[in-house]
Amino acid sequence: MSLEARTASLSQRHASLDRALEDETNRPLPDPAVIAKLKREKLRLKDEINRLQPH
């Protein structure tokens, strides 16, 4: 997989997690554990995307 393809894949996953986080936050009784998990995963993906991009 090329670097660009890997970065695009990670970005898509990050966007998907963003939507999931928004859905969970807007639920009548959002689960704080789920929100924390989604935020950690989003941050991990963001860090990996930044690491892969040339500086």
PDB file of N, CA and C in Angstrom:
ATOM      1  N   MET A   1       0.857  -1.175   0.000  1.00  0.00           N
ATOM      2  CA  MET A   1       0.000   0.000   0.000  1.00  0.00           C
ATOM      3  C   MET A   1       0.903   1.237   0.000  1.00  0.00           C
ATOM      4  N   SER A   2       0.592   2.162  -0.870  1.00  0.00           N
ATOM      5  CA  SER A   2       1.408   3.381  -0.944  1.00  0.00           C
ATOM      6  C   SER A   2       1.141   4.269   0.268  1.00  0.00           C
ATOM      7  N   LEU A   3       2.045   5.185   0.488  1.00  0.00           N
ATOM      8  CA  LEU A   3       1.920   6.115   1.607  1.00  0.00           C
ATOM      9  C   LEU A   3       0.646   6.947   1.482  1.00  0.00           C
ATOM     10  N   GLU A   4       0.359   7.384   0.251  1.00  0.00           N
ATOM     11  CA  GLU A   4      -0.854   8.192   0.035  1.00  0.00           C
ATOM     12  C   GLU A   4      -2.112   7.384   0.317  1.00  0.00           C
ATOM     13  N   ALA A   5      -2.114   6.123  -0.123  1.00  0.00           N
ATOM     14  CA  ALA A   5      -3.280   5.265   0.099  1.00  0.00           C
ATOM     15  C   ALA A   5      -3.458   4.995   1.591  1.00  0.00           C
ATOM     16  N   ARG A   6      -2.362   4.763   2.291  1.00  0.00           N
ATOM     17  CA  ARG A   6      -2.430   4.512   3.743  1.00  0.00           C
ATOM     18  C   ARG A   6      -2.957   5.747   4.473  1.00  0.00           C
ATOM     19  N   THR A   7      -2.457   6.915   4.094  1.00  0.00           N
ATOM     20  CA  THR A   7      -2.911   8.157   4.716  1.00  0.00           C
ATOM     21  C   THR A   7      -4.397   8.387   4.432  1.00  0.00           C
ATOM     22  N   ALA A   8      -4.821   8.135   3.202  1.00  0.00           N
ATOM     23  CA  ALA A   8      -6.235   8.305   2.850  1.00  0.00           C
ATOM     24  C   ALA A   8      -7.112   7.339   3.644  1.00  0.00           C
ATOM     25  N   SER A   9      -6.647   6.107   3.789  1.00  0.00           N
ATOM     26  CA  SER A   9      -7.395   5.116   4.556  1.00  0.00           C
ATOM     27  C   SER A   9      -7.529   5.536   6.017  1.00  0.00           C
ATOM     28  N   LEU A  10      -6.440   6.013   6.591  1.00  0.00           N
ATOM     29  CA  LEU A  10      -6.476   6.484   7.976  1.00  0.00           C
ATOM     30  C   LEU A  10      -7.399   7.693   8.124  1.00  0.00           C
ATOM     31  N   SER A  11      -7.375   8.589   7.142  1.00  0.00           N
ATOM     32  CA  SER A  11      -8.237   9.776   7.185  1.00  0.00           C
ATOM     33  C   SER A  11      -9.709   9.391   7.109  1.00  0.00           C
ATOM     34  N   GLN A  12     -10.018   8.392   6.293  1.00  0.00           N
ATOM     35  CA  GLN A  12     -11.404   7.923   6.197  1.00  0.00           C
ATOM     36  C   GLN A  12     -11.857   7.307   7.522  1.00  0.00           C
ATOM     37  N   ARG A  13     -10.970   6.540   8.120  1.00  0.00           N
ATOM     38  CA  ARG A  13     -11.302   5.928   9.413  1.00  0.00           C
ATOM     39  C   ARG A  13     -11.482   7.004  10.484  1.00  0.00           C
ATOM     40  N   HIS A  14     -10.646   8.036  10.448  1.00  0.00           N
ATOM     41  CA  HIS A  14     -10.750   9.147  11.390  1.00  0.00           C
ATOM     42  C   HIS A  14     -12.101   9.843  11.234  1.00  0.00           C
ATOM     43  N   ALA A  15     -12.525  10.073   9.991  1.00  0.00           N
ATOM     44  CA  ALA A  15     -13.816  10.715   9.729  1.00  0.00           C
ATOM     45  C   ALA A  15     -14.963   9.827  10.214  1.00  0.00           C
ATOM     46  N   SER A  16     -14.826   8.527  10.028  1.00  0.00           N
ATOM     47  CA  SER A  16     -15.842   7.589  10.483  1.00  0.00           C
ATOM     48  C   SER A  16     -15.972   7.628  12.007  1.00  0.00           C
ATOM     49  N   LEU A  17     -14.832   7.683  12.684  1.00  0.00           N
ATOM     50  CA  LEU A  17     -14.852   7.777  14.144  1.00  0.00           C
ATOM     51  C   LEU A  17     -15.463   9.097  14.597  1.00  0.00           C
ATOM     52  N   ASP A  18     -15.221  10.147  13.841  1.00  0.00           N
ATOM     53  CA  ASP A  18     -15.799  11.453  14.161  1.00  0.00           C
ATOM     54  C   ASP A  18     -17.326  11.375  14.109  1.00  0.00           C
ATOM     55  N   ARG A  19     -17.844  10.710  13.081  1.00  0.00           N
ATOM     56  CA  ARG A  19     -19.306  10.544  12.965  1.00  0.00           C
ATOM     57  C   ARG A  19     -19.841   9.685  14.111  1.00  0.00           C
ATOM     58  N   ALA A  20     -19.127   8.613  14.438  1.00  0.00           N
ATOM     59  CA  ALA A  20     -19.553   7.741  15.539  1.00  0.00           C
ATOM     60  C   ALA A  20     -19.548   8.500  16.861  1.00  0.00           C
ATOM     61  N   LEU A  21     -18.543   9.326  17.055  1.00  0.00           N
ATOM     62  CA  LEU A  21     -18.458  10.135  18.274  1.00  0.00           C
ATOM     63  C   LEU A  21     -19.623  11.115  18.344  1.00  0.00           C
ATOM     64  N   GLU A  22     -19.933  11.743  17.229  1.00  0.00           N
ATOM     65  CA  GLU A  22     -21.066  12.679  17.195  1.00  0.00           C
ATOM     66  C   GLU A  22     -22.367  11.941  17.483  1.00  0.00           C
ATOM     67  N   ASP A  23     -22.550  10.759  16.884  1.00  0.00           N
ATOM     68  CA  ASP A  23     -23.767   9.967  17.127  1.00  0.00           C
ATOM     69  C   ASP A  23     -23.884   9.601  18.609  1.00  0.00           C
ATOM     70  N   GLU A  24     -22.792   9.153  19.196  1.00  0.00           N
ATOM     71  CA  GLU A  24     -22.822   8.752  20.605  1.00  0.00           C
ATOM     72  C   GLU A  24     -23.107   9.956  21.499  1.00  0.00           C
ATOM     73  N   THR A  25     -22.500  11.077  21.201  1.00  0.00           N
ATOM     74  CA  THR A  25     -22.694  12.286  22.009  1.00  0.00           C
ATOM     75  C   THR A  25     -24.144  12.768  21.951  1.00  0.00           C
ATOM     76  N   ASN A  26     -24.800  12.573  20.818  1.00  0.00           N
ATOM     77  CA  ASN A  26     -26.173  13.054  20.647  1.00  0.00           C
ATOM     78  C   ASN A  26     -27.235  12.076  21.118  1.00  0.00           C
ATOM     79  N   ARG A  27     -26.819  10.907  21.594  1.00  0.00           N
ATOM     80  CA  ARG A  27     -27.782   9.942  22.134  1.00  0.00           C
ATOM     81  C   ARG A  27     -28.404  10.495  23.415  1.00  0.00           C
ATOM     82  N   PRO A  28     -29.598  10.029  23.752  1.00  0.00           N
ATOM     83  CA  PRO A  28     -30.218  10.493  25.006  1.00  0.00           C
ATOM     84  C   PRO A  28     -29.365  10.220  26.240  1.00  0.00           C
ATOM     85  N   LEU A  29     -28.731   9.070  26.314  1.00  0.00           N
ATOM     86  CA  LEU A  29     -27.857   8.739  27.441  1.00  0.00           C
ATOM     87  C   LEU A  29     -26.502   8.278  26.904  1.00  0.00           C
ATOM     88  N   PRO A  30     -25.650   9.221  26.511  1.00  0.00           N
ATOM     89  CA  PRO A  30     -24.358   8.831  25.946  1.00  0.00           C
ATOM     90  C   PRO A  30     -23.503   8.086  26.973  1.00  0.00           C
ATOM     91  N   ASP A  31     -22.751   7.115  26.480  1.00  0.00           N
ATOM     92  CA  ASP A  31     -21.885   6.297  27.326  1.00  0.00           C
ATOM     93  C   ASP A  31     -20.499   6.945  27.388  1.00  0.00           C
ATOM     94  N   PRO A  32     -20.098   7.443  28.550  1.00  0.00           N
ATOM     95  CA  PRO A  32     -18.796   8.106  28.670  1.00  0.00           C
ATOM     96  C   PRO A  32     -17.623   7.195  28.293  1.00  0.00           C
ATOM     97  N   ALA A  33     -17.741   5.896  28.552  1.00  0.00           N
ATOM     98  CA  ALA A  33     -16.664   4.963  28.208  1.00  0.00           C
ATOM     99  C   ALA A  33     -16.514   4.850  26.694  1.00  0.00           C
ATOM    100  N   VAL A  34     -17.626   4.801  25.990  1.00  0.00           N
ATOM    101  CA  VAL A  34     -17.592   4.730  24.524  1.00  0.00           C
ATOM    102  C   VAL A  34     -17.013   6.022  23.960  1.00  0.00           C
ATOM    103  N   ILE A  35     -17.422   7.149  24.503  1.00  0.00           N
ATOM    104  CA  ILE A  35     -16.916   8.442  24.042  1.00  0.00           C
ATOM    105  C   ILE A  35     -15.402   8.512  24.245  1.00  0.00           C
ATOM    106  N   ALA A  36     -14.927   8.097  25.400  1.00  0.00           N
ATOM    107  CA  ALA A  36     -13.488   8.121  25.679  1.00  0.00           C
ATOM    108  C   ALA A  36     -12.734   7.207  24.715  1.00  0.00           C
ATOM    109  N   LYS A  37     -13.281   6.020  24.461  1.00  0.00           N
ATOM    110  CA  LYS A  37     -12.636   5.067  23.537  1.00  0.00           C
ATOM    111  C   LYS A  37     -12.543   5.663  22.137  1.00  0.00           C
ATOM    112  N   LEU A  38     -13.635   6.256  21.663  1.00  0.00           N
ATOM    113  CA  LEU A  38     -13.643   6.848  20.330  1.00  0.00           C
ATOM    114  C   LEU A  38     -12.641   8.004  20.230  1.00  0.00           C
ATOM    115  N   LYS A  39     -12.575   8.816  21.266  1.00  0.00           N
ATOM    116  CA  LYS A  39     -11.633   9.940  21.267  1.00  0.00           C
ATOM    117  C   LYS A  39     -10.189   9.454  21.260  1.00  0.00           C
ATOM    118  N   ARG A  40      -9.893   8.415  22.034  1.00  0.00           N
ATOM    119  CA  ARG A  40      -8.530   7.859  22.050  1.00  0.00           C
ATOM    120  C   ARG A  40      -8.147   7.314  20.679  1.00  0.00           C
ATOM    121  N   GLU A  41      -9.073   6.609  20.040  1.00  0.00           N
ATOM    122  CA  GLU A  41      -8.792   6.034  18.727  1.00  0.00           C
ATOM    123  C   GLU A  41      -8.600   7.136  17.683  1.00  0.00           C
ATOM    124  N   LYS A  42      -9.431   8.175  17.755  1.00  0.00           N
ATOM    125  CA  LYS A  42      -9.273   9.308  16.823  1.00  0.00           C
ATOM    126  C   LYS A  42      -7.906   9.954  17.000  1.00  0.00           C
ATOM    127  N   LEU A  43      -7.488  10.148  18.232  1.00  0.00           N
ATOM    128  CA  LEU A  43      -6.188  10.757  18.501  1.00  0.00           C
ATOM    129  C   LEU A  43      -5.050   9.874  18.000  1.00  0.00           C
ATOM    130  N   ARG A  44      -5.181   8.561  18.198  1.00  0.00           N
ATOM    131  CA  ARG A  44      -4.160   7.629  17.720  1.00  0.00           C
ATOM    132  C   ARG A  44      -4.037   7.705  16.195  1.00  0.00           C
ATOM    133  N   LEU A  45      -5.177   7.744  15.518  1.00  0.00           N
ATOM    134  CA  LEU A  45      -5.160   7.842  14.058  1.00  0.00           C
ATOM    135  C   LEU A  45      -4.566   9.169  13.601  1.00  0.00           C
ATOM    136  N   LYS A  46      -4.932  10.249  14.271  1.00  0.00           N
ATOM    137  CA  LYS A  46      -4.391  11.555  13.912  1.00  0.00           C
ATOM    138  C   LYS A  46      -2.874  11.576  14.065  1.00  0.00           C
ATOM    139  N   ASP A  47      -2.388  10.993  15.158  1.00  0.00           N
ATOM    140  CA  ASP A  47      -0.936  10.919  15.376  1.00  0.00           C
ATOM    141  C   ASP A  47      -0.254  10.112  14.275  1.00  0.00           C
ATOM    142  N   GLU A  48      -0.871   9.001  13.882  1.00  0.00           N
ATOM    143  CA  GLU A  48      -0.283   8.177  12.831  1.00  0.00           C
ATOM    144  C   GLU A  48      -0.294   8.904  11.487  1.00  0.00           C
ATOM    145  N   ILE A  49      -1.381   9.598  11.182  1.00  0.00           N
ATOM    146  CA  ILE A  49      -1.457  10.376   9.936  1.00  0.00           C
ATOM    147  C   ILE A  49      -0.354  11.424   9.925  1.00  0.00           C
ATOM    148  N   ASN A  50      -0.201  12.139  11.029  1.00  0.00           N
ATOM    149  CA  ASN A  50       0.839  13.184  11.117  1.00  0.00           C
ATOM    150  C   ASN A  50       2.233  12.597  10.989  1.00  0.00           C
ATOM    151  N   ARG A  51       2.439  11.418  11.548  1.00  0.00           N
ATOM    152  CA  ARG A  51       3.738  10.765  11.481  1.00  0.00           C
ATOM    153  C   ARG A  51       4.072  10.360  10.036  1.00  0.00           C
ATOM    154  N   LEU A  52       3.056   9.963   9.280  1.00  0.00           N
ATOM    155  CA  LEU A  52       3.273   9.504   7.911  1.00  0.00           C
ATOM    156  C   LEU A  52       3.467  10.653   6.921  1.00  0.00           C
ATOM    157  N   GLN A  53       2.935  11.820   7.239  1.00  0.00           N
ATOM    158  CA  GLN A  53       3.029  12.944   6.327  1.00  0.00           C
ATOM    159  C   GLN A  53       4.424  13.563   6.407  1.00  0.00           C
ATOM    160  N   PRO A  54       4.958  13.947   5.232  1.00  0.00           N
ATOM    161  CA  PRO A  54       6.278  14.603   5.246  1.00  0.00           C
ATOM    162  C   PRO A  54       6.195  15.957   5.964  1.00  0.00           C
ATOM    163  N   HIS A  55       7.253  16.279   6.647  1.00  0.00           N
ATOM    164  CA  HIS A  55       7.268  17.527   7.421  1.00  0.00           C
ATOM    165  C   HIS A  55       7.780  18.646   6.595  1.00  0.00           C
TER     166      HIS A  55
END
